[in-house]
Amino acid sequence: MIESSLSAIASVAADRRSGEAVVLGAHLEGPFVNPRKPGAMDVVFIREGDPELAKKWAERFNIAVATVAPEIPKGYEVMEALAKRGCRVQIGHSIATPSVAEEAFHHGCCGFTHLFNAMSAMEHRSPGVAAYALARARFAEIICDLLHVDATVVLAAWRAIPRLYAITDASAAGMPDGNYQWGGHRIIKKGQRITLENGTTLAGSAITMLDAFRNLIAIGLSLDQASEMTSARQTEYLGLAGFRPDRARRSSLSRSAGSGFGAARCLG
């Protein structure tokens, strides 16, 4: 399933039509994650670290970003295999301690996947990945639908992490309310909330990047600050200076759906 998804993303990227977003590569989110933090993933796809398989995928497909839990068996080796082949490797779906997270940055890690979600938390006497990110991270992504992360916590992370950037984590954006098949699961969309059939586990979001931009404005960021979080910082993180929107482009975000950034996820 993962290889077929990576192949499909590659096909879409190669067959871009006029006016469509540029697909910069896949985000390999799984299978090298911790089964104790699956989020909406189907645990049957989760596996221990396999650096040879990671190397094979990275050489065959354009994997721009990869999420790995460093604490799983051979997690560090998977990070190294992917990072050596140009992937931006992030900690996510992880119960790592701060010391394990710090060690990951010596093995090619450079960011964090959907901060606060599916990771060890900000407990003040038992800090986890989220706490380490707030203390040490330069880059981290955060879902800005204001459902995955409360507005106050988004602002706290924005103050703490110099290059925090927004993602949508969209699974059924633009779709009518109803039930959908997604990543081996049936999901339920009701308004802006998307869950698994249990009604509690969030399964992606229903927002576009324009929605994320508007949410950031609504919680107090300026136009320039929201524009940085929804376009410029992602391209900086990926090393794509040529995609950086100019000021006029950024000022149009409040009335345009464009963000200057295209990406795709491959869920394990």
C-alpha atoms as a PDB file:
ATOM      1  CA  MET A   1       0.000   0.000   0.000  1.00  0.00           C
ATOM      2  CA  ILE A   2       2.796   2.431   0.864  1.00  0.00           C
ATOM      3  CA  GLU A   3       4.696   1.799  -2.369  1.00  0.00           C
ATOM      4  CA  SER A   4       1.528   2.192  -4.426  1.00  0.00           C
ATOM      5  CA  SER A   5       0.818   5.502  -2.664  1.00  0.00           C
ATOM      6  CA  LEU A   6       4.346   6.752  -3.307  1.00  0.00           C
ATOM      7  CA  SER A   7       4.026   5.710  -6.951  1.00  0.00           C
ATOM      8  CA  ALA A   8       0.687   7.518  -7.269  1.00  0.00           C
ATOM      9  CA  ILE A   9       2.169  10.707  -5.815  1.00  0.00           C
ATOM     10  CA  ALA A  10       5.065  10.479  -8.281  1.00  0.00           C
ATOM     11  CA  SER A  11       2.613  10.090 -11.163  1.00  0.00           C
ATOM     12  CA  VAL A  12       0.628  13.145 -10.111  1.00  0.00           C
ATOM     13  CA  ALA A  13       3.820  15.181  -9.721  1.00  0.00           C
ATOM     14  CA  ALA A  14       4.964  14.187 -13.210  1.00  0.00           C
ATOM     15  CA  ASP A  15       1.628  15.007 -14.853  1.00  0.00           C
ATOM     16  CA  ARG A  16       1.003  18.507 -13.510  1.00  0.00           C
ATOM     17  CA  ARG A  17      -1.546  20.470 -15.475  1.00  0.00           C
ATOM     18  CA  SER A  18      -1.728  24.203 -15.965  1.00  0.00           C
ATOM     19  CA  GLY A  19      -2.929  25.991 -12.845  1.00  0.00           C
ATOM     20  CA  GLU A  20      -2.424  23.018 -10.544  1.00  0.00           C
ATOM     21  CA  ALA A  21      -0.253  23.083  -7.435  1.00  0.00           C
ATOM     22  CA  VAL A  22       3.312  21.830  -7.702  1.00  0.00           C
ATOM     23  CA  VAL A  23       3.777  18.539  -5.856  1.00  0.00           C
ATOM     24  CA  LEU A  24       7.251  18.834  -4.368  1.00  0.00           C
ATOM     25  CA  GLY A  25       7.395  15.244  -3.172  1.00  0.00           C
ATOM     26  CA  ALA A  26       5.853  12.848  -0.702  1.00  0.00           C
ATOM     27  CA  HIS A  27       5.718  13.014   3.057  1.00  0.00           C
ATOM     28  CA  LEU A  28       6.363   9.464   4.226  1.00  0.00           C
ATOM     29  CA  GLU A  29       4.396   9.471   7.480  1.00  0.00           C
ATOM     30  CA  GLY A  30       4.872   5.874   8.585  1.00  0.00           C
ATOM     31  CA  PRO A  31       5.463   2.979   8.711  1.00  0.00           C
ATOM     32  CA  PHE A  32       8.535   3.565  10.931  1.00  0.00           C
ATOM     33  CA  VAL A  33       6.628   4.980  13.887  1.00  0.00           C
ATOM     34  CA  ASN A  34       5.587   3.907  17.354  1.00  0.00           C
ATOM     35  CA  PRO A  35       2.442   1.746  17.521  1.00  0.00           C
ATOM     36  CA  ARG A  36       1.645   3.384  20.859  1.00  0.00           C
ATOM     37  CA  LYS A  37       1.074   6.671  19.025  1.00  0.00           C
ATOM     38  CA  PRO A  38      -0.660   5.649  15.783  1.00  0.00           C
ATOM     39  CA  GLY A  39      -3.006   8.605  15.529  1.00  0.00           C
ATOM     40  CA  ALA A  40      -5.383   7.700  12.726  1.00  0.00           C
ATOM     41  CA  MET A  41      -2.963   5.231  11.120  1.00  0.00           C
ATOM     42  CA  ASP A  42      -3.906   1.586  10.787  1.00  0.00           C
ATOM     43  CA  VAL A  43      -1.486  -0.197  13.137  1.00  0.00           C
ATOM     44  CA  VAL A  44      -1.189  -3.145  10.736  1.00  0.00           C
ATOM     45  CA  PHE A  45       1.068  -0.968   8.558  1.00  0.00           C
ATOM     46  CA  ILE A  46       3.371   0.097  11.406  1.00  0.00           C
ATOM     47  CA  ARG A  47       6.687  -1.727  11.569  1.00  0.00           C
ATOM     48  CA  GLU A  48      10.097  -1.632  13.213  1.00  0.00           C
ATOM     49  CA  GLY A  49      12.850   0.363  11.602  1.00  0.00           C
ATOM     50  CA  ASP A  50      14.208  -1.035   8.337  1.00  0.00           C
ATOM     51  CA  PRO A  51      17.005   1.172   7.000  1.00  0.00           C
ATOM     52  CA  GLU A  52      17.407  -0.897   3.826  1.00  0.00           C
ATOM     53  CA  LEU A  53      13.722  -0.495   2.956  1.00  0.00           C
ATOM     54  CA  ALA A  54      13.896   3.221   3.778  1.00  0.00           C
ATOM     55  CA  LYS A  55      16.931   3.531   1.493  1.00  0.00           C
ATOM     56  CA  LYS A  56      15.117   1.675  -1.283  1.00  0.00           C
ATOM     57  CA  TRP A  57      12.077   3.950  -1.094  1.00  0.00           C
ATOM     58  CA  ALA A  58      14.163   7.123  -0.914  1.00  0.00           C
ATOM     59  CA  GLU A  59      16.151   6.125  -3.988  1.00  0.00           C
ATOM     60  CA  ARG A  60      13.106   5.093  -5.987  1.00  0.00           C
ATOM     61  CA  PHE A  61      10.687   7.884  -5.045  1.00  0.00           C
ATOM     62  CA  ASN A  62      10.914  11.605  -4.334  1.00  0.00           C
ATOM     63  CA  ILE A  63      10.387  11.622  -0.572  1.00  0.00           C
ATOM     64  CA  ALA A  64      10.719  15.236   0.521  1.00  0.00           C
ATOM     65  CA  VAL A  65       9.809  14.692   4.180  1.00  0.00           C
ATOM     66  CA  ALA A  66       9.693  11.580   6.359  1.00  0.00           C
ATOM     67  CA  THR A  67       8.305  11.008   9.854  1.00  0.00           C
ATOM     68  CA  VAL A  68      10.152   8.534  12.063  1.00  0.00           C
ATOM     69  CA  ALA A  69       9.885   7.632  15.748  1.00  0.00           C
ATOM     70  CA  PRO A  70      13.537   7.518  16.874  1.00  0.00           C
ATOM     71  CA  GLU A  71      12.870   5.206  19.825  1.00  0.00           C
ATOM     72  CA  ILE A  72      11.719   2.229  17.737  1.00  0.00           C
ATOM     73  CA  PRO A  73      14.255  -0.516  16.900  1.00  0.00           C
ATOM     74  CA  LYS A  74      16.673   0.858  14.265  1.00  0.00           C
ATOM     75  CA  GLY A  75      14.888   4.207  14.322  1.00  0.00           C
ATOM     76  CA  TYR A  76      18.137   6.173  14.240  1.00  0.00           C
ATOM     77  CA  GLU A  77      19.405   4.068  11.339  1.00  0.00           C
ATOM     78  CA  VAL A  78      16.222   4.778   9.358  1.00  0.00           C
ATOM     79  CA  MET A  79      16.660   8.493  10.008  1.00  0.00           C
ATOM     80  CA  GLU A  80      20.224   8.369   8.727  1.00  0.00           C
ATOM     81  CA  ALA A  81      19.267   6.380   5.621  1.00  0.00           C
ATOM     82  CA  LEU A  82      16.593   8.896   4.673  1.00  0.00           C
ATOM     83  CA  ALA A  83      18.555  12.033   5.576  1.00  0.00           C
ATOM     84  CA  LYS A  84      21.554  10.919   3.481  1.00  0.00           C
ATOM     85  CA  ARG A  85      19.231  10.831   0.475  1.00  0.00           C
ATOM     86  CA  GLY A  86      17.925  14.362   0.888  1.00  0.00           C
ATOM     87  CA  CYS A  87      14.812  13.762   2.991  1.00  0.00           C
ATOM     88  CA  ARG A  88      13.858  16.181   5.741  1.00  0.00           C
ATOM     89  CA  VAL A  89      13.415  13.748   8.629  1.00  0.00           C
ATOM     90  CA  GLN A  90      11.025  14.641  11.448  1.00  0.00           C
ATOM     91  CA  ILE A  91      10.059  13.144  14.796  1.00  0.00           C
ATOM     92  CA  GLY A  92       6.417  12.145  15.000  1.00  0.00           C
ATOM     93  CA  HIS A  93       4.060   9.413  16.162  1.00  0.00           C
ATOM     94  CA  SER A  94       6.581   8.997  18.937  1.00  0.00           C
ATOM     95  CA  ILE A  95       6.878   8.547  22.708  1.00  0.00           C
ATOM     96  CA  ALA A  96      10.520   9.615  22.764  1.00  0.00           C
ATOM     97  CA  THR A  97      12.035  11.288  25.798  1.00  0.00           C
ATOM     98  CA  PRO A  98      13.906  14.592  25.380  1.00  0.00           C
ATOM     99  CA  SER A  99      17.259  12.755  25.469  1.00  0.00           C
ATOM    100  CA  VAL A 100      16.155  10.400  22.681  1.00  0.00           C
ATOM    101  CA  ALA A 101      14.819  13.350  20.668  1.00  0.00           C
ATOM    102  CA  GLU A 102      18.113  15.180  21.110  1.00  0.00           C
ATOM    103  CA  GLU A 103      20.059  12.142  19.941  1.00  0.00           C
ATOM    104  CA  ALA A 104      17.823  11.971  16.853  1.00  0.00           C
ATOM    105  CA  PHE A 105      19.206  15.329  15.744  1.00  0.00           C
ATOM    106  CA  HIS A 106      22.651  13.700  15.577  1.00  0.00           C
ATOM    107  CA  HIS A 107      21.227  11.133  13.130  1.00  0.00           C
ATOM    108  CA  GLY A 108      19.715  13.420  10.510  1.00  0.00           C
ATOM    109  CA  CYS A 109      16.515  14.652  12.154  1.00  0.00           C
ATOM    110  CA  CYS A 110      15.637  18.305  11.570  1.00  0.00           C
ATOM    111  CA  GLY A 111      11.974  18.848  12.527  1.00  0.00           C
ATOM    112  CA  PHE A 112       8.749  17.701  14.152  1.00  0.00           C
ATOM    113  CA  THR A 113       5.543  16.334  12.622  1.00  0.00           C
ATOM    114  CA  HIS A 114       2.185  17.914  13.577  1.00  0.00           C
ATOM    115  CA  LEU A 115       3.438  19.287  16.887  1.00  0.00           C
ATOM    116  CA  PHE A 116       1.545  18.118  20.008  1.00  0.00           C
ATOM    117  CA  ASN A 117      -0.424  15.469  18.108  1.00  0.00           C
ATOM    118  CA  ALA A 118       0.596  11.792  18.310  1.00  0.00           C
ATOM    119  CA  MET A 119       3.661  12.465  20.451  1.00  0.00           C
ATOM    120  CA  SER A 120       4.760  12.417  24.066  1.00  0.00           C
ATOM    121  CA  ALA A 121       3.516  15.605  25.627  1.00  0.00           C
ATOM    122  CA  MET A 122       4.367  18.731  27.594  1.00  0.00           C
ATOM    123  CA  GLU A 123       4.018  17.214  31.073  1.00  0.00           C
ATOM    124  CA  HIS A 124       6.157  19.454  33.281  1.00  0.00           C
ATOM    125  CA  ARG A 125       7.645  16.606  35.351  1.00  0.00           C
ATOM    126  CA  SER A 126       7.880  14.069  32.557  1.00  0.00           C
ATOM    127  CA  PRO A 127       8.600  16.024  29.356  1.00  0.00           C
ATOM    128  CA  GLY A 128       8.371  14.399  25.975  1.00  0.00           C
ATOM    129  CA  VAL A 129       8.802  15.258  22.311  1.00  0.00           C
ATOM    130  CA  ALA A 130       6.517  18.308  22.450  1.00  0.00           C
ATOM    131  CA  ALA A 131       8.429  19.754  25.395  1.00  0.00           C
ATOM    132  CA  TYR A 132      11.755  19.175  23.653  1.00  0.00           C
ATOM    133  CA  ALA A 133      10.447  20.929  20.532  1.00  0.00           C
ATOM    134  CA  LEU A 134       9.375  23.981  22.514  1.00  0.00           C
ATOM    135  CA  ALA A 135      12.754  24.118  24.234  1.00  0.00           C
ATOM    136  CA  ARG A 136      15.077  23.359  21.313  1.00  0.00           C
ATOM    137  CA  ALA A 137      13.411  23.319  17.894  1.00  0.00           C
ATOM    138  CA  ARG A 138      14.123  25.763  15.122  1.00  0.00           C
ATOM    139  CA  PHE A 139      11.577  24.245  12.718  1.00  0.00           C
ATOM    140  CA  ALA A 140       8.338  22.394  13.500  1.00  0.00           C
ATOM    141  CA  GLU A 141       5.000  21.968  11.767  1.00  0.00           C
ATOM    142  CA  ILE A 142       1.652  22.505  13.479  1.00  0.00           C
ATOM    143  CA  ILE A 143      -1.914  21.824  12.305  1.00  0.00           C
ATOM    144  CA  CYS A 144      -3.760  25.135  12.263  1.00  0.00           C
ATOM    145  CA  ASP A 145      -7.409  24.078  12.181  1.00  0.00           C
ATOM    146  CA  LEU A 146      -7.699  25.070  15.885  1.00  0.00           C
ATOM    147  CA  LEU A 147      -9.140  21.612  16.598  1.00  0.00           C
ATOM    148  CA  HIS A 148      -5.944  19.588  16.676  1.00  0.00           C
ATOM    149  CA  VAL A 149      -4.248  22.293  18.751  1.00  0.00           C
ATOM    150  CA  ASP A 150      -6.006  24.956  20.817  1.00  0.00           C
ATOM    151  CA  ALA A 151      -5.420  28.566  19.750  1.00  0.00           C
ATOM    152  CA  THR A 152      -3.599  29.427  22.996  1.00  0.00           C
ATOM    153  CA  VAL A 153      -1.184  26.535  22.478  1.00  0.00           C
ATOM    154  CA  VAL A 154      -0.601  27.540  18.841  1.00  0.00           C
ATOM    155  CA  LEU A 155       0.395  31.003  20.075  1.00  0.00           C
ATOM    156  CA  ALA A 156       2.662  29.535  22.756  1.00  0.00           C
ATOM    157  CA  ALA A 157       4.427  27.402  20.137  1.00  0.00           C
ATOM    158  CA  TRP A 158       4.692  30.387  17.797  1.00  0.00           C
ATOM    159  CA  ARG A 159       6.496  32.344  20.520  1.00  0.00           C
ATOM    160  CA  ALA A 160       8.803  29.443  21.388  1.00  0.00           C
ATOM    161  CA  ILE A 161       9.833  28.005  17.981  1.00  0.00           C
ATOM    162  CA  PRO A 162      11.524  30.524  15.667  1.00  0.00           C
ATOM    163  CA  ARG A 163      10.430  28.949  12.352  1.00  0.00           C
ATOM    164  CA  LEU A 164       7.160  27.258  13.299  1.00  0.00           C
ATOM    165  CA  TYR A 165       5.023  26.702  10.205  1.00  0.00           C
ATOM    166  CA  ALA A 166       1.438  25.735   9.476  1.00  0.00           C
ATOM    167  CA  ILE A 167       0.194  22.566   7.836  1.00  0.00           C
ATOM    168  CA  THR A 168      -3.355  21.483   7.040  1.00  0.00           C
ATOM    169  CA  ASP A 169      -3.050  17.693   7.504  1.00  0.00           C
ATOM    170  CA  ALA A 170      -6.098  17.709   5.217  1.00  0.00           C
ATOM    171  CA  SER A 171      -7.880  14.435   4.536  1.00  0.00           C
ATOM    172  CA  ALA A 172     -11.293  15.541   3.263  1.00  0.00           C
ATOM    173  CA  ALA A 173     -10.952  19.267   2.663  1.00  0.00           C
ATOM    174  CA  GLY A 174     -13.663  20.618   0.383  1.00  0.00           C
ATOM    175  CA  MET A 175     -15.754  17.486   0.659  1.00  0.00           C
ATOM    176  CA  PRO A 176     -19.358  17.433   1.892  1.00  0.00           C
ATOM    177  CA  ASP A 177     -20.156  15.959   5.286  1.00  0.00           C
ATOM    178  CA  GLY A 178     -20.356  12.182   5.246  1.00  0.00           C
ATOM    179  CA  ASN A 179     -18.403   8.943   5.553  1.00  0.00           C
ATOM    180  CA  TYR A 180     -15.251   8.296   3.515  1.00  0.00           C
ATOM    181  CA  GLN A 181     -12.683   5.527   3.079  1.00  0.00           C
ATOM    182  CA  TRP A 182      -9.213   6.804   3.950  1.00  0.00           C
ATOM    183  CA  GLY A 183      -5.938   5.005   4.597  1.00  0.00           C
ATOM    184  CA  GLY A 184      -7.563   1.712   5.509  1.00  0.00           C
ATOM    185  CA  HIS A 185     -10.105   3.361   7.789  1.00  0.00           C
ATOM    186  CA  ARG A 186     -13.613   4.737   7.453  1.00  0.00           C
ATOM    187  CA  ILE A 187     -13.654   8.375   8.510  1.00  0.00           C
ATOM    188  CA  ILE A 188     -16.537  10.705   9.337  1.00  0.00           C
ATOM    189  CA  LYS A 189     -16.584  14.359   8.286  1.00  0.00           C
ATOM    190  CA  LYS A 190     -18.941  16.647  10.146  1.00  0.00           C
ATOM    191  CA  GLY A 191     -18.346  20.337   9.610  1.00  0.00           C
ATOM    192  CA  GLN A 192     -14.657  21.086  10.161  1.00  0.00           C
ATOM    193  CA  ARG A 193     -14.108  17.964  12.282  1.00  0.00           C
ATOM    194  CA  ILE A 194     -12.980  14.627  10.826  1.00  0.00           C
ATOM    195  CA  THR A 195     -12.691  11.523  13.006  1.00  0.00           C
ATOM    196  CA  LEU A 196     -12.415   7.787  12.847  1.00  0.00           C
ATOM    197  CA  GLU A 197     -15.623   5.837  13.395  1.00  0.00           C
ATOM    198  CA  ASN A 198     -15.067   6.020  17.172  1.00  0.00           C
ATOM    199  CA  GLY A 199     -15.988   9.700  16.934  1.00  0.00           C
ATOM    200  CA  THR A 200     -13.017  10.850  19.028  1.00  0.00           C
ATOM    201  CA  THR A 201      -9.763  10.134  17.178  1.00  0.00           C
ATOM    202  CA  LEU A 202      -9.060  12.988  14.776  1.00  0.00           C
ATOM    203  CA  ALA A 203      -8.276  11.772  11.258  1.00  0.00           C
ATOM    204  CA  GLY A 204      -6.749  14.678   9.408  1.00  0.00           C
ATOM    205  CA  SER A 205      -8.470  18.002   8.928  1.00  0.00           C
ATOM    206  CA  ALA A 206     -10.987  19.664   6.643  1.00  0.00           C
ATOM    207  CA  ILE A 207      -9.058  22.896   6.091  1.00  0.00           C
ATOM    208  CA  THR A 208      -7.096  24.364   3.208  1.00  0.00           C
ATOM    209  CA  MET A 209      -3.974  26.456   3.721  1.00  0.00           C
ATOM    210  CA  LEU A 210      -6.122  29.534   3.123  1.00  0.00           C
ATOM    211  CA  ASP A 211      -8.265  28.433   6.089  1.00  0.00           C
ATOM    212  CA  ALA A 212      -5.107  28.024   8.170  1.00  0.00           C
ATOM    213  CA  PHE A 213      -4.035  31.528   7.170  1.00  0.00           C
ATOM    214  CA  ARG A 214      -7.388  32.961   8.208  1.00  0.00           C
ATOM    215  CA  ASN A 215      -7.273  31.061  11.504  1.00  0.00           C
ATOM    216  CA  LEU A 216      -3.866  32.528  12.301  1.00  0.00           C
ATOM    217  CA  ILE A 217      -5.157  36.034  11.569  1.00  0.00           C
ATOM    218  CA  ALA A 218      -8.159  35.329  13.805  1.00  0.00           C
ATOM    219  CA  ILE A 219      -5.973  34.404  16.788  1.00  0.00           C
ATOM    220  CA  GLY A 220      -3.882  37.553  16.522  1.00  0.00           C
ATOM    221  CA  LEU A 221      -1.045  37.152  14.010  1.00  0.00           C
ATOM    222  CA  SER A 222      -0.427  39.952  11.527  1.00  0.00           C
ATOM    223  CA  LEU A 223      -0.755  39.468   7.766  1.00  0.00           C
ATOM    224  CA  ASP A 224       2.998  39.150   7.403  1.00  0.00           C
ATOM    225  CA  GLN A 225       3.300  36.738  10.327  1.00  0.00           C
ATOM    226  CA  ALA A 226       0.484  34.527   9.057  1.00  0.00           C
ATOM    227  CA  SER A 227       1.972  34.606   5.552  1.00  0.00           C
ATOM    228  CA  GLU A 228       5.343  33.513   6.897  1.00  0.00           C
ATOM    229  CA  MET A 229       3.708  30.593   8.706  1.00  0.00           C
ATOM    230  CA  THR A 230       1.642  29.448   5.735  1.00  0.00           C
ATOM    231  CA  SER A 231       4.145  29.742   2.905  1.00  0.00           C
ATOM    232  CA  ALA A 232       7.634  31.176   3.364  1.00  0.00           C
ATOM    233  CA  ARG A 233       8.827  29.033   6.253  1.00  0.00           C
ATOM    234  CA  GLN A 234       7.885  25.772   4.551  1.00  0.00           C
ATOM    235  CA  THR A 235       9.934  26.660   1.486  1.00  0.00           C
ATOM    236  CA  GLU A 236      12.823  27.755   3.705  1.00  0.00           C
ATOM    237  CA  TYR A 237      12.680  24.438   5.570  1.00  0.00           C
ATOM    238  CA  LEU A 238      12.742  22.472   2.312  1.00  0.00           C
ATOM    239  CA  GLY A 239      15.525  24.615   0.865  1.00  0.00           C
ATOM    240  CA  LEU A 240      13.366  25.978  -1.953  1.00  0.00           C
ATOM    241  CA  ALA A 241      14.187  29.670  -1.979  1.00  0.00           C
ATOM    242  CA  GLY A 242      12.812  30.031  -5.509  1.00  0.00           C
ATOM    243  CA  PHE A 243       9.324  29.215  -4.212  1.00  0.00           C
ATOM    244  CA  ARG A 244       9.365  32.015  -1.636  1.00  0.00           C
ATOM    245  CA  PRO A 245       6.402  34.312  -2.331  1.00  0.00           C
ATOM    246  CA  ASP A 246       7.032  38.000  -2.660  1.00  0.00           C
ATOM    247  CA  ARG A 247       5.304  40.595  -0.485  1.00  0.00           C
ATOM    248  CA  ALA A 248       2.561  41.268  -3.034  1.00  0.00           C
ATOM    249  CA  ARG A 249       1.869  37.564  -3.269  1.00  0.00           C
ATOM    250  CA  ARG A 250       1.655  37.295   0.516  1.00  0.00           C
ATOM    251  CA  SER A 251      -0.698  40.239   0.838  1.00  0.00           C
ATOM    252  CA  SER A 252      -3.130  38.536  -1.528  1.00  0.00           C
ATOM    253  CA  LEU A 253      -3.489  35.440   0.654  1.00  0.00           C
ATOM    254  CA  SER A 254      -6.466  36.838   2.513  1.00  0.00           C
ATOM    255  CA  ARG A 255      -8.529  36.669  -0.675  1.00  0.00           C
ATOM    256  CA  SER A 256      -6.745  33.959  -2.668  1.00  0.00           C
ATOM    257  CA  ALA A 257      -6.462  30.223  -2.194  1.00  0.00           C
ATOM    258  CA  GLY A 258      -2.801  30.150  -3.301  1.00  0.00           C
ATOM    259  CA  SER A 259      -0.024  29.712  -0.764  1.00  0.00           C
ATOM    260  CA  GLY A 260       3.068  29.261  -2.911  1.00  0.00           C
ATOM    261  CA  PHE A 261       3.607  25.759  -1.497  1.00  0.00           C
ATOM    262  CA  GLY A 262       2.456  22.372  -2.662  1.00  0.00           C
ATOM    263  CA  ALA A 263       2.963  19.079  -0.878  1.00  0.00           C
ATOM    264  CA  ALA A 264       1.496  15.627  -0.520  1.00  0.00           C
ATOM    265  CA  ARG A 265       1.440  13.058   2.270  1.00  0.00           C
ATOM    266  CA  CYS A 266       1.782   9.328   2.093  1.00  0.00           C
ATOM    267  CA  LEU A 267       0.207   7.862   5.194  1.00  0.00           C
ATOM    268  CA  GLY A 268       1.482   4.562   6.469  1.00  0.00           C
END
